[in-house]
Structures are given as structure tokens and as C-alpha cells.
N, C-alpha and C. Protein backbone atom coordinates (compact mmCIF):
# COMPACT_ATOMS: atom_id res chain seq x y z
N MET A 1 85.48 227.88 229.55
CA MET A 1 85.51 227.38 230.76
C MET A 1 83.99 227.59 231.29
N ASN A 2 83.97 226.55 232.57
CA ASN A 2 82.77 226.45 232.97
C ASN A 2 82.54 227.38 234.25
N ARG A 3 81.60 228.23 234.32
CA ARG A 3 81.61 229.34 235.44
C ARG A 3 80.89 228.84 236.53
N SER A 4 80.45 227.62 236.37
CA SER A 4 79.60 227.18 237.67
C SER A 4 80.58 226.34 238.78
N LEU A 5 81.75 226.11 238.02
CA LEU A 5 83.01 225.72 238.96
C LEU A 5 83.54 226.61 239.66
N PHE A 6 83.63 228.14 239.32
CA PHE A 6 84.15 229.32 239.99
C PHE A 6 83.27 229.84 241.09
N LYS A 7 81.82 229.40 240.97
CA LYS A 7 81.00 230.05 241.89
C LYS A 7 81.46 229.90 243.20
N SER A 8 81.11 230.91 244.13
CA SER A 8 81.64 230.57 245.43
C SER A 8 80.36 229.76 246.20
N PRO A 9 81.11 228.77 246.90
CA PRO A 9 79.69 227.98 247.81
C PRO A 9 79.12 228.66 248.75
N ILE A 10 79.55 229.90 249.24
CA ILE A 10 78.98 230.60 250.19
C ILE A 10 77.86 231.76 249.73
N LYS A 11 76.77 231.29 250.32
CA LYS A 11 75.49 232.31 249.78
C LYS A 11 75.47 233.71 250.38
N ALA A 12 75.10 234.34 249.52
CA ALA A 12 75.01 235.59 250.10
C ALA A 12 74.00 235.85 251.59
N PRO A 13 74.24 236.71 252.48
CA PRO A 13 73.60 236.70 253.58
C PRO A 13 72.14 236.92 253.53
N LEU A 14 71.25 236.41 254.30
CA LEU A 14 70.06 236.78 254.08
C LEU A 14 69.52 238.18 254.36
N LYS A 15 68.91 238.64 253.39
CA LYS A 15 68.55 240.18 253.68
C LYS A 15 67.15 240.31 254.46
N LEU A 16 67.17 241.01 255.64
CA LEU A 16 65.81 241.13 256.32
C LEU A 16 65.55 242.45 256.19
N SER A 17 63.94 242.56 256.09
CA SER A 17 63.58 244.01 256.12
C SER A 17 63.71 244.72 257.33
N LEU A 18 63.48 245.58 257.33
CA LEU A 18 63.47 246.62 258.49
C LEU A 18 62.46 246.25 259.57
N THR A 19 61.18 245.65 258.96
CA THR A 19 60.36 245.62 260.16
C THR A 19 60.76 244.07 261.04
N SER A 20 61.45 243.00 260.20
CA SER A 20 62.10 241.95 260.69
C SER A 20 63.11 241.96 261.49
N LYS A 21 63.83 243.04 261.24
CA LYS A 21 65.07 243.33 262.35
C LYS A 21 64.50 244.11 263.15
N SER A 22 63.56 244.79 263.41
CA SER A 22 62.98 245.37 264.42
C SER A 22 62.36 244.33 265.50
N LEU A 23 61.51 243.60 264.87
CA LEU A 23 60.93 242.49 265.41
C LEU A 23 61.77 241.36 266.01
N VAL A 24 63.01 241.11 265.74
CA VAL A 24 63.97 240.38 266.27
C VAL A 24 64.71 241.15 267.27
N LEU A 25 64.91 242.46 267.27
CA LEU A 25 65.62 243.13 268.46
C LEU A 25 64.60 243.25 269.51
N VAL A 26 63.17 243.14 269.09
CA VAL A 26 62.20 243.43 270.50
C VAL A 26 62.25 242.19 271.11
N CYS A 27 61.94 241.16 270.23
CA CYS A 27 61.63 239.70 270.55
C CYS A 27 62.90 239.07 271.48
N THR A 28 63.96 239.40 271.10
CA THR A 28 65.30 238.61 271.71
C THR A 28 64.99 239.21 273.36
N PRO A 29 64.99 240.42 273.78
CA PRO A 29 65.10 240.60 275.01
C PRO A 29 63.97 240.27 275.64
N LEU A 30 62.62 240.15 275.06
CA LEU A 30 61.53 239.88 275.58
C LEU A 30 61.45 238.34 275.82
N VAL A 31 61.96 237.46 275.09
CA VAL A 31 62.09 236.04 275.40
C VAL A 31 63.08 235.74 276.64
N PHE A 32 64.21 236.59 276.66
CA PHE A 32 65.17 236.32 277.79
C PHE A 32 64.26 236.73 279.08
N GLU A 33 63.53 237.92 279.12
CA GLU A 33 63.02 238.35 280.20
C GLU A 33 62.01 237.33 280.70
N LEU A 34 61.20 236.67 279.87
CA LEU A 34 60.19 235.92 280.17
C LEU A 34 60.96 234.42 280.64
N ALA A 35 62.00 234.18 280.12
CA ALA A 35 62.77 232.93 280.66
C ALA A 35 63.17 233.28 282.31
N MET A 36 63.73 234.61 282.45
CA MET A 36 64.30 234.99 283.74
C MET A 36 63.10 235.23 284.64
N PHE A 37 61.92 235.68 284.22
CA PHE A 37 60.55 235.52 285.12
C PHE A 37 60.40 234.27 285.53
N GLY A 38 60.36 233.11 284.58
CA GLY A 38 60.19 231.77 284.86
C GLY A 38 61.00 231.19 286.08
N LEU A 39 62.18 231.56 285.73
CA LEU A 39 63.07 231.01 286.66
C LEU A 39 63.07 231.62 288.07
N PHE A 40 62.77 232.97 288.17
CA PHE A 40 62.72 233.52 289.38
C PHE A 40 61.28 233.24 290.27
N SER A 41 60.57 232.88 289.15
CA SER A 41 59.12 232.36 289.65
C SER A 41 59.25 231.02 290.42
N ASN A 42 59.95 230.26 289.82
CA ASN A 42 60.31 228.91 290.50
C ASN A 42 60.88 229.08 291.78
N LEU A 43 61.91 229.97 291.79
CA LEU A 43 62.92 230.16 292.90
C LEU A 43 61.89 230.77 294.11
N VAL A 44 61.02 231.42 293.89
CA VAL A 44 60.19 232.18 294.66
C VAL A 44 59.31 230.86 295.35
N GLN A 45 58.80 230.03 294.46
CA GLN A 45 57.85 229.10 294.90
C GLN A 45 58.77 228.12 295.91
N GLN A 46 60.00 227.84 295.33
CA GLN A 46 60.92 227.03 296.13
C GLN A 46 61.19 227.64 297.52
N SER A 47 61.56 228.74 297.56
CA SER A 47 61.65 229.53 298.84
C SER A 47 60.46 229.41 299.72
N GLU A 48 59.31 229.94 298.94
CA GLU A 48 57.99 229.52 299.77
C GLU A 48 57.81 228.21 300.71
N ALA A 49 57.95 227.29 299.75
CA ALA A 49 57.83 225.96 300.21
C ALA A 49 58.99 225.52 301.22
N GLU A 50 60.23 226.15 300.99
CA GLU A 50 61.24 225.98 302.26
C GLU A 50 60.76 226.65 303.50
N ALA A 51 60.18 227.99 303.43
CA ALA A 51 59.86 228.37 304.72
C ALA A 51 58.67 227.71 305.16
N GLN A 52 57.94 227.12 304.44
CA GLN A 52 56.74 226.37 304.95
C GLN A 52 57.31 225.20 305.70
N GLN A 53 58.12 224.43 304.98
CA GLN A 53 58.82 223.43 305.88
C GLN A 53 59.44 223.73 307.18
N ALA A 54 60.07 225.04 307.14
CA ALA A 54 60.78 225.29 308.36
C ALA A 54 59.93 225.76 309.37
N LEU A 55 58.51 226.47 309.16
CA LEU A 55 57.57 226.63 310.11
C LEU A 55 57.13 225.24 310.61
N HIS A 56 56.91 224.47 309.81
CA HIS A 56 56.46 223.03 310.13
C HIS A 56 57.31 222.15 311.09
N ALA A 57 58.72 222.30 310.78
CA ALA A 57 59.90 221.92 311.64
C ALA A 57 59.65 222.60 312.94
N ARG A 58 59.69 223.71 312.89
CA ARG A 58 59.74 224.73 314.14
C ARG A 58 58.45 224.30 315.13
N GLU A 59 57.46 224.13 314.47
CA GLU A 59 55.89 223.91 315.29
C GLU A 59 56.40 222.44 316.01
N ILE A 60 57.17 221.48 314.92
CA ILE A 60 57.22 220.08 315.74
C ILE A 60 57.99 220.19 316.92
N SER A 61 59.27 220.90 316.76
CA SER A 61 60.10 221.27 317.74
C SER A 61 59.82 222.09 318.93
N ASP A 62 58.64 223.03 318.83
CA ASP A 62 58.22 223.72 319.84
C ASP A 62 57.09 222.85 320.85
N ARG A 63 56.33 222.08 320.04
CA ARG A 63 55.52 220.96 320.79
C ARG A 63 56.42 220.10 321.46
N VAL A 64 57.30 219.43 320.88
CA VAL A 64 58.23 218.42 321.86
C VAL A 64 58.72 219.06 322.97
N ASN A 65 59.21 220.37 322.61
CA ASN A 65 59.78 221.11 323.95
C ASN A 65 58.81 221.25 325.07
N LYS A 66 57.44 221.77 324.58
CA LYS A 66 56.41 221.96 325.78
C LYS A 66 56.25 220.59 326.48
N LEU A 67 56.24 219.37 325.45
CA LEU A 67 55.92 218.05 325.97
C LEU A 67 56.94 217.88 327.19
N THR A 68 58.35 218.12 326.65
CA THR A 68 59.25 217.94 327.53
C THR A 68 59.31 218.50 328.86
N GLY A 69 58.90 219.93 328.66
CA GLY A 69 58.79 220.56 329.98
C GLY A 69 57.65 220.03 330.87
N ASP A 70 56.40 219.59 330.23
CA ASP A 70 55.39 219.22 331.14
C ASP A 70 55.50 218.03 331.67
N ILE A 71 56.35 217.16 330.97
CA ILE A 71 56.80 215.56 331.46
C ILE A 71 57.64 216.01 332.60
N TYR A 72 58.65 216.85 332.42
CA TYR A 72 59.72 217.03 333.53
C TYR A 72 58.84 217.50 334.93
N ASP A 73 58.00 218.51 334.66
CA ASP A 73 57.28 219.02 335.75
C ASP A 73 56.45 218.21 336.42
N ILE A 74 55.84 217.20 335.79
CA ILE A 74 55.00 216.05 336.30
C ILE A 74 56.11 215.09 337.13
N TRP A 75 57.27 214.70 336.51
CA TRP A 75 58.17 213.95 337.22
C TRP A 75 58.42 214.39 338.55
N ILE A 76 58.99 215.83 338.49
CA ILE A 76 59.49 216.56 339.57
C ILE A 76 58.55 216.51 340.89
N LEU A 77 57.31 216.91 340.36
CA LEU A 77 56.03 217.02 341.56
C LEU A 77 55.85 215.50 342.00
N ALA A 78 55.69 214.42 341.33
CA ALA A 78 55.51 213.09 341.56
C ALA A 78 56.84 212.78 342.50
N SER A 79 58.03 213.09 341.98
CA SER A 79 59.02 212.42 342.78
C SER A 79 59.24 213.17 344.29
N LYS A 80 58.89 214.30 344.25
CA LYS A 80 59.18 215.01 345.39
C LYS A 80 57.61 214.75 346.34
N THR A 81 56.65 214.16 345.94
CA THR A 81 55.74 213.76 346.72
C THR A 81 55.84 212.46 347.34
N THR A 82 55.99 212.50 348.81
CA THR A 82 56.14 211.24 349.50
C THR A 82 55.27 211.23 350.75
N SER A 83 54.72 212.29 351.14
CA SER A 83 54.32 212.16 352.42
C SER A 83 52.74 211.86 351.97
N GLU A 84 52.08 211.25 353.09
CA GLU A 84 50.86 211.20 353.11
C GLU A 84 49.82 212.42 352.82
N ASP A 85 50.34 213.37 353.51
CA ASP A 85 49.75 214.75 353.55
C ASP A 85 49.35 215.33 352.13
N LEU A 86 50.62 215.22 351.50
CA LEU A 86 50.54 215.82 349.83
C LEU A 86 49.51 214.97 349.20
N LEU A 87 49.48 213.59 349.31
CA LEU A 87 48.72 212.96 348.56
C LEU A 87 46.94 213.13 348.93
N ILE A 88 46.93 213.03 350.22
CA ILE A 88 45.43 213.37 350.68
C ILE A 88 44.82 215.12 350.18
N LYS A 89 45.74 215.80 350.28
CA LYS A 89 45.17 217.30 349.66
C LYS A 89 44.95 217.38 348.47
N GLY A 90 45.38 216.24 347.62
CA GLY A 90 45.17 216.54 346.14
C GLY A 90 45.86 217.36 345.48
N ARG A 91 46.99 217.94 345.75
CA ARG A 91 48.12 218.69 345.25
C ARG A 91 48.57 218.11 343.95
N LEU A 92 48.89 216.74 344.21
CA LEU A 92 49.51 215.82 343.11
C LEU A 92 48.43 215.66 342.15
N LYS A 93 47.01 215.45 342.35
CA LYS A 93 46.27 215.09 341.51
C LYS A 93 45.74 216.30 340.51
N ASP A 94 45.55 217.35 341.11
CA ASP A 94 45.13 218.60 340.48
C ASP A 94 46.18 219.04 339.35
N ALA A 95 47.25 219.07 339.84
CA ALA A 95 48.60 219.36 338.91
C ALA A 95 48.90 218.36 338.11
N THR A 96 48.85 216.92 338.42
CA THR A 96 48.91 216.00 337.37
C THR A 96 47.85 216.02 336.36
N LEU A 97 46.83 215.89 336.33
CA LEU A 97 45.56 215.90 335.65
C LEU A 97 45.71 216.91 334.60
N ASN A 98 46.03 218.27 335.15
CA ASN A 98 45.99 219.19 334.16
C ASN A 98 47.22 219.00 333.22
N ARG A 99 48.15 218.61 333.71
CA ARG A 99 49.41 218.60 332.83
C ARG A 99 49.18 217.15 331.84
N MET A 100 48.42 216.37 332.45
CA MET A 100 48.43 215.24 331.49
C MET A 100 47.43 215.35 330.33
N ASP A 101 46.18 216.29 330.36
CA ASP A 101 45.51 216.70 329.62
C ASP A 101 46.32 217.61 328.52
N ARG A 102 47.13 218.44 328.95
CA ARG A 102 48.05 219.17 327.70
C ARG A 102 48.95 218.19 327.14
N LEU A 103 49.20 217.11 327.85
CA LEU A 103 50.32 216.19 327.19
C LEU A 103 49.33 215.52 325.92
N LYS A 104 48.12 215.27 326.34
CA LYS A 104 47.18 214.39 325.47
C LYS A 104 47.10 215.46 324.26
N VAL A 105 46.65 216.63 324.35
CA VAL A 105 46.59 217.45 323.20
C VAL A 105 47.90 217.69 322.59
N GLN A 106 48.94 217.80 323.16
CA GLN A 106 50.40 217.88 322.17
C GLN A 106 50.69 216.58 321.38
N TYR A 107 50.48 215.52 322.10
CA TYR A 107 50.64 214.17 321.32
C TYR A 107 49.73 214.27 320.17
N ALA A 108 48.32 214.33 320.36
CA ALA A 108 47.40 214.21 319.35
C ALA A 108 48.02 215.41 318.05
N LYS A 109 48.29 216.50 318.64
CA LYS A 109 48.82 217.53 317.51
C LYS A 109 50.33 217.06 316.87
N LEU A 110 51.35 216.44 317.80
CA LEU A 110 52.28 216.18 317.07
C LEU A 110 52.17 214.79 316.09
N THR A 111 51.13 213.98 316.50
CA THR A 111 50.68 212.75 315.50
C THR A 111 50.15 213.20 314.34
N GLU A 112 49.58 214.27 314.11
CA GLU A 112 48.83 214.99 313.12
C GLU A 112 49.91 215.62 312.27
N LEU A 113 50.97 216.29 313.06
CA LEU A 113 52.03 217.18 312.31
C LEU A 113 53.24 216.16 311.78
N THR A 114 53.07 214.93 312.38
CA THR A 114 54.20 214.05 311.62
C THR A 114 53.53 212.72 310.85
N ALA A 115 52.62 213.11 310.08
CA ALA A 115 51.79 212.28 309.37
C ALA A 115 52.64 211.71 308.23
N ASP A 116 53.52 212.56 307.87
CA ASP A 116 54.16 212.22 306.54
C ASP A 116 55.82 211.72 306.90
N GLU A 117 56.01 211.48 308.43
CA GLU A 117 57.25 211.12 308.76
C GLU A 117 57.45 210.21 309.63
N PRO A 118 57.03 208.82 309.15
CA PRO A 118 57.00 207.54 309.91
C PRO A 118 57.75 207.43 311.06
N ASP A 119 59.30 207.61 310.91
CA ASP A 119 60.09 207.62 311.98
C ASP A 119 59.81 208.38 313.28
N LEU A 120 59.56 209.72 312.97
CA LEU A 120 59.38 210.44 314.08
C LEU A 120 57.90 210.07 314.70
N ARG A 121 56.94 209.61 313.72
CA ARG A 121 55.78 209.41 314.39
C ARG A 121 55.75 208.12 315.34
N LEU A 122 56.57 206.98 314.97
CA LEU A 122 57.00 205.75 315.81
C LEU A 122 57.33 206.21 317.22
N ASN A 123 58.28 207.22 317.28
CA ASN A 123 58.80 207.65 318.39
C ASN A 123 57.74 208.41 319.30
N ILE A 124 56.79 209.06 318.50
CA ILE A 124 55.84 209.90 319.06
C ILE A 124 54.93 208.88 320.03
N GLU A 125 54.33 207.85 319.28
CA GLU A 125 53.66 206.79 319.45
C GLU A 125 54.39 205.90 320.65
N HIS A 126 55.36 205.78 320.74
CA HIS A 126 56.15 205.17 321.93
C HIS A 126 55.85 206.10 323.22
N SER A 127 56.35 207.48 323.22
CA SER A 127 55.89 208.26 324.09
C SER A 127 54.84 208.19 324.43
N SER A 128 53.89 208.40 323.81
CA SER A 128 52.29 208.40 324.22
C SER A 128 51.98 207.26 324.90
N ASN A 129 52.56 205.97 324.56
CA ASN A 129 52.02 204.86 325.35
C ASN A 129 52.84 204.94 326.72
N ALA A 130 53.81 205.37 326.72
CA ALA A 130 54.59 205.62 328.17
C ALA A 130 53.59 206.41 328.99
N ILE A 131 52.96 207.69 328.30
CA ILE A 131 52.36 208.52 329.29
C ILE A 131 51.12 207.89 329.60
N ARG A 132 50.44 206.97 328.61
CA ARG A 132 49.20 206.34 329.18
C ARG A 132 49.71 205.49 330.31
N GLN A 133 50.69 204.68 330.18
CA GLN A 133 51.09 203.98 331.43
C GLN A 133 51.13 204.71 332.69
N ALA A 134 51.84 205.56 332.62
CA ALA A 134 51.92 206.65 333.94
C ALA A 134 50.62 207.27 334.30
N GLU A 135 49.73 207.42 333.29
CA GLU A 135 48.35 207.97 333.62
C GLU A 135 47.53 206.85 334.29
N ALA A 136 47.87 205.72 333.86
CA ALA A 136 47.11 204.60 334.53
C ALA A 136 47.54 204.44 336.08
N ILE A 137 48.73 204.45 336.09
CA ILE A 137 49.27 204.45 337.58
C ILE A 137 48.68 205.42 338.35
N PHE A 138 48.54 206.82 337.90
CA PHE A 138 48.00 208.23 338.65
C PHE A 138 46.65 207.74 338.74
N GLU A 139 45.93 207.46 337.90
CA GLU A 139 44.43 207.03 338.11
C GLU A 139 44.47 206.11 339.48
N SER A 140 44.89 205.08 339.15
CA SER A 140 44.86 204.14 340.38
C SER A 140 45.20 204.74 341.78
N LEU A 141 46.17 205.48 341.79
CA LEU A 141 46.58 206.28 342.92
C LEU A 141 45.54 207.14 343.39
N PHE A 142 44.68 207.98 342.31
CA PHE A 142 43.71 209.11 342.78
C PHE A 142 42.51 208.42 343.07
N LYS A 143 42.22 207.07 342.59
CA LYS A 143 41.12 206.39 343.14
C LYS A 143 40.97 206.08 344.52
N LYS A 144 42.40 205.87 344.99
CA LYS A 144 42.49 205.60 346.46
C LYS A 144 42.45 206.88 347.12
N ILE A 145 42.89 207.70 346.64
CA ILE A 145 42.95 209.27 347.38
C ILE A 145 41.66 209.58 347.36
N ASP A 146 40.55 209.58 346.53
CA ASP A 146 39.17 209.83 346.54
C ASP A 146 38.40 209.01 347.32
N ALA A 147 38.98 207.90 347.62
CA ALA A 147 38.21 206.87 348.53
C ALA A 147 38.74 206.80 349.94
N SER A 148 39.44 207.84 350.17
CA SER A 148 40.09 208.21 351.47
C SER A 148 40.70 207.27 352.11
N ASP A 149 41.38 206.36 351.11
CA ASP A 149 42.44 205.30 351.41
C ASP A 149 43.63 205.57 351.30
N SER A 150 43.97 206.56 352.60
CA SER A 150 45.26 207.10 352.60
C SER A 150 46.63 205.92 352.53
N LEU A 151 46.35 204.90 353.11
CA LEU A 151 47.39 204.05 353.36
C LEU A 151 47.59 203.24 351.98
N GLY A 152 46.41 202.98 351.32
CA GLY A 152 46.47 202.34 350.05
C GLY A 152 47.14 203.55 349.16
N ALA A 153 46.90 204.56 349.19
CA ALA A 153 47.37 205.45 348.11
C ALA A 153 48.82 205.61 348.38
N VAL A 154 49.33 205.48 349.57
CA VAL A 154 50.79 205.80 349.74
C VAL A 154 51.53 204.30 349.57
N THR A 155 50.62 203.39 349.57
CA THR A 155 51.20 201.86 349.37
C THR A 155 51.43 202.03 348.18
N THR A 156 50.45 202.31 346.93
CA THR A 156 50.21 202.39 345.43
C THR A 156 51.39 203.35 345.15
N TYR A 157 51.45 204.28 345.57
CA TYR A 157 52.56 205.29 344.99
C TYR A 157 54.02 204.86 345.44
N LYS A 158 54.35 204.20 346.56
CA LYS A 158 55.71 203.63 346.76
C LYS A 158 55.97 202.31 345.97
N GLU A 159 54.87 201.62 345.77
CA GLU A 159 55.07 200.46 344.82
C GLU A 159 55.34 200.86 343.40
N ASN A 160 55.01 201.91 342.99
CA ASN A 160 55.09 202.27 341.61
C ASN A 160 56.09 203.36 341.27
N ALA A 161 56.59 203.71 342.35
CA ALA A 161 57.69 204.78 342.34
C ALA A 161 58.71 204.56 341.23
N GLY A 162 59.31 203.19 341.33
CA GLY A 162 60.48 203.05 340.61
C GLY A 162 60.10 202.93 339.12
N HIS A 163 58.66 202.16 338.85
CA HIS A 163 58.41 202.18 337.48
C HIS A 163 58.07 203.51 336.85
N MET A 164 57.46 204.29 338.03
CA MET A 164 57.28 205.85 337.46
C MET A 164 58.49 206.49 337.03
N ARG A 165 59.40 206.29 337.77
CA ARG A 165 60.87 207.02 337.59
C ARG A 165 61.34 206.52 336.27
N ASP A 166 61.43 205.16 335.91
CA ASP A 166 61.82 204.54 334.73
C ASP A 166 60.91 205.22 333.44
N LEU A 167 59.50 205.16 333.71
CA LEU A 167 58.73 205.68 332.62
C LEU A 167 59.09 207.23 332.39
N PHE A 168 59.33 208.15 333.31
CA PHE A 168 59.76 209.57 333.31
C PHE A 168 60.99 209.76 332.46
N THR A 169 62.05 208.93 333.16
CA THR A 169 63.15 208.96 332.83
C THR A 169 63.41 208.74 331.15
N GLY A 170 62.75 207.32 330.79
CA GLY A 170 62.61 207.07 329.37
C GLY A 170 61.92 208.13 328.64
N LEU A 171 60.99 208.71 328.88
CA LEU A 171 60.08 209.59 328.16
C LEU A 171 61.02 210.86 328.07
N LEU A 172 61.45 211.24 329.11
CA LEU A 172 62.55 212.71 328.61
C LEU A 172 63.60 212.13 327.82
N SER A 173 64.34 210.95 327.62
CA SER A 173 65.26 210.72 326.91
C SER A 173 64.68 210.31 325.27
N GLN A 174 63.35 209.92 325.25
CA GLN A 174 62.73 209.65 323.92
C GLN A 174 62.42 210.99 323.54
N GLU A 175 62.06 211.87 324.27
CA GLU A 175 61.49 213.24 323.88
C GLU A 175 62.94 213.84 323.36
N LEU A 176 63.84 213.71 323.75
CA LEU A 176 65.06 214.61 323.32
C LEU A 176 65.84 213.77 322.03
N LEU A 177 65.54 212.55 322.09
CA LEU A 177 66.12 211.61 320.86
C LEU A 177 65.04 212.18 319.74
N LEU A 178 63.74 212.48 320.12
CA LEU A 178 62.76 212.90 319.09
C LEU A 178 63.12 214.36 318.21
N VAL A 179 63.56 215.15 319.46
CA VAL A 179 63.95 216.32 318.71
C VAL A 179 65.18 216.27 317.92
N ALA A 180 66.21 215.45 318.47
CA ALA A 180 67.38 215.20 317.40
C ALA A 180 67.23 214.57 316.12
N LYS A 181 66.24 213.65 316.12
CA LYS A 181 66.05 212.88 315.06
C LYS A 181 65.30 213.82 314.00
N HIS A 182 64.42 214.65 314.41
CA HIS A 182 63.58 215.67 313.83
C HIS A 182 64.61 216.67 313.14
N GLU A 183 65.61 217.19 313.99
CA GLU A 183 66.37 218.11 313.57
C GLU A 183 67.35 217.51 312.55
N GLU A 184 67.92 216.45 312.67
CA GLU A 184 68.75 215.74 311.84
C GLU A 184 68.06 215.55 310.44
N HIS A 185 66.69 215.09 310.55
CA HIS A 185 65.74 214.83 309.29
C HIS A 185 65.82 216.11 308.57
N PHE A 186 65.28 217.19 309.29
CA PHE A 186 65.12 218.63 308.54
C PHE A 186 66.34 219.13 307.86
N ALA A 187 67.60 218.86 308.89
CA ALA A 187 68.64 219.37 308.14
C ALA A 187 69.12 218.61 306.83
N ARG A 188 68.88 217.40 306.87
CA ARG A 188 69.36 216.52 305.70
C ARG A 188 68.54 216.97 304.60
N GLU A 189 67.04 216.96 304.86
CA GLU A 189 66.07 217.36 303.57
C GLU A 189 66.72 218.94 303.05
N SER A 190 66.77 219.89 304.07
CA SER A 190 67.01 221.14 303.72
C SER A 190 68.39 221.29 303.07
N ASN A 191 69.21 220.59 303.18
CA ASN A 191 70.62 220.56 302.52
C ASN A 191 70.31 220.14 301.02
N GLU A 192 69.43 218.72 300.90
CA GLU A 192 69.20 218.33 299.87
C GLU A 192 68.39 219.28 298.91
N ARG A 193 67.41 220.07 299.47
CA ARG A 193 66.84 220.97 298.66
C ARG A 193 67.70 222.33 298.44
N GLN A 194 68.24 222.56 299.07
CA GLN A 194 69.47 223.73 298.80
C GLN A 194 70.45 223.23 297.42
């Protein structure tokens, strides 16, 4: 009989030396630890990026809120100013110019912050254009006040009161829309990242 027919197809297990076995025992947890370290490192980086985006979103929201507050203050001040006495004393001029300067700074910073977000940037540009229109009306009014043309100042103010109301109402609604869009955009991206 042929002995090769009766040989078992199963080979004997590979015999490892004690050194090889020790090396396998040490390397297996080490490889696992390195993989876990890489995974945790990646998660930490993602968390830091998420935190930076949250800070960025908060800065945009804070600036929009400040803008809305200043726009509202200007509107309230302008809408309550109806008498020649207030126009001549310059109360409207001083308060308005100060707030207009702050608005310009806020809009410039918002434009910079939303460089990567074209939808938000477009809303900011619309709001900024409306502010420039309001500023042009105020400048025309203030020139008349500075020239001691009280009748012309009152006339200019009354002629533009409706347009100013529309500008400021539109600005406030645009700013609120901007905040809503920004929050929606941030929430959508945050959910995708999570």
C-alpha cells in the first residue's frame, strides 16, 4: 500500500520560538494602542475644528446682533426727531454719525467673516447698501443743519421720512433673516459633521 494516500492533509502547526511568541504578545496590544491613538487624535482634531466653527458662527451672530441693535437705535432716534429744535441742536447728527461709524466697522468685519459663505455675504452686501442710502440721506440733512438752513433741514427730513422708515424696516428684517439663514446654515453643517 501507498503510505502517501493515508497521510493527513493537515499540516502540523507552526512552531514558534519563545522569542517570536513574546514579540507577538507585545506587538499585538501595541498595534491596537497605536490604532486607538490615531483614532482619538483624529476625533480631537475634528472636535477642535468644530469648536472653531462654533466660535466663528457665534462671532457672526454677535456682530449681526450688534448691527441690529445699532440700526434699531438709529431708527428710533430718527423717527422721534420731528421738531426743528432737535435738528438744530445736533442731537440727531452726533448720535447718528457715531452709530453709522460703528455700523461700517461691523459690516466690514462681517464681510470678512463670511468670505466663505456667499449667501450670507450677499445679504450683508444688501444691508450695507441700504445703510449707505440712509447715510446719504442723513448727510444731506446734516449739511443743511450745518448751514443753519433749519427750514431746509426740516423739509429734507420730512420728505425722506417714509424712505428712511422703509430702509430701516427693511434693514431690520434683513438682519433678522441673516441671523436665521446663518443659524440654519450652521445647524445643517454641524449635523453633517456630527
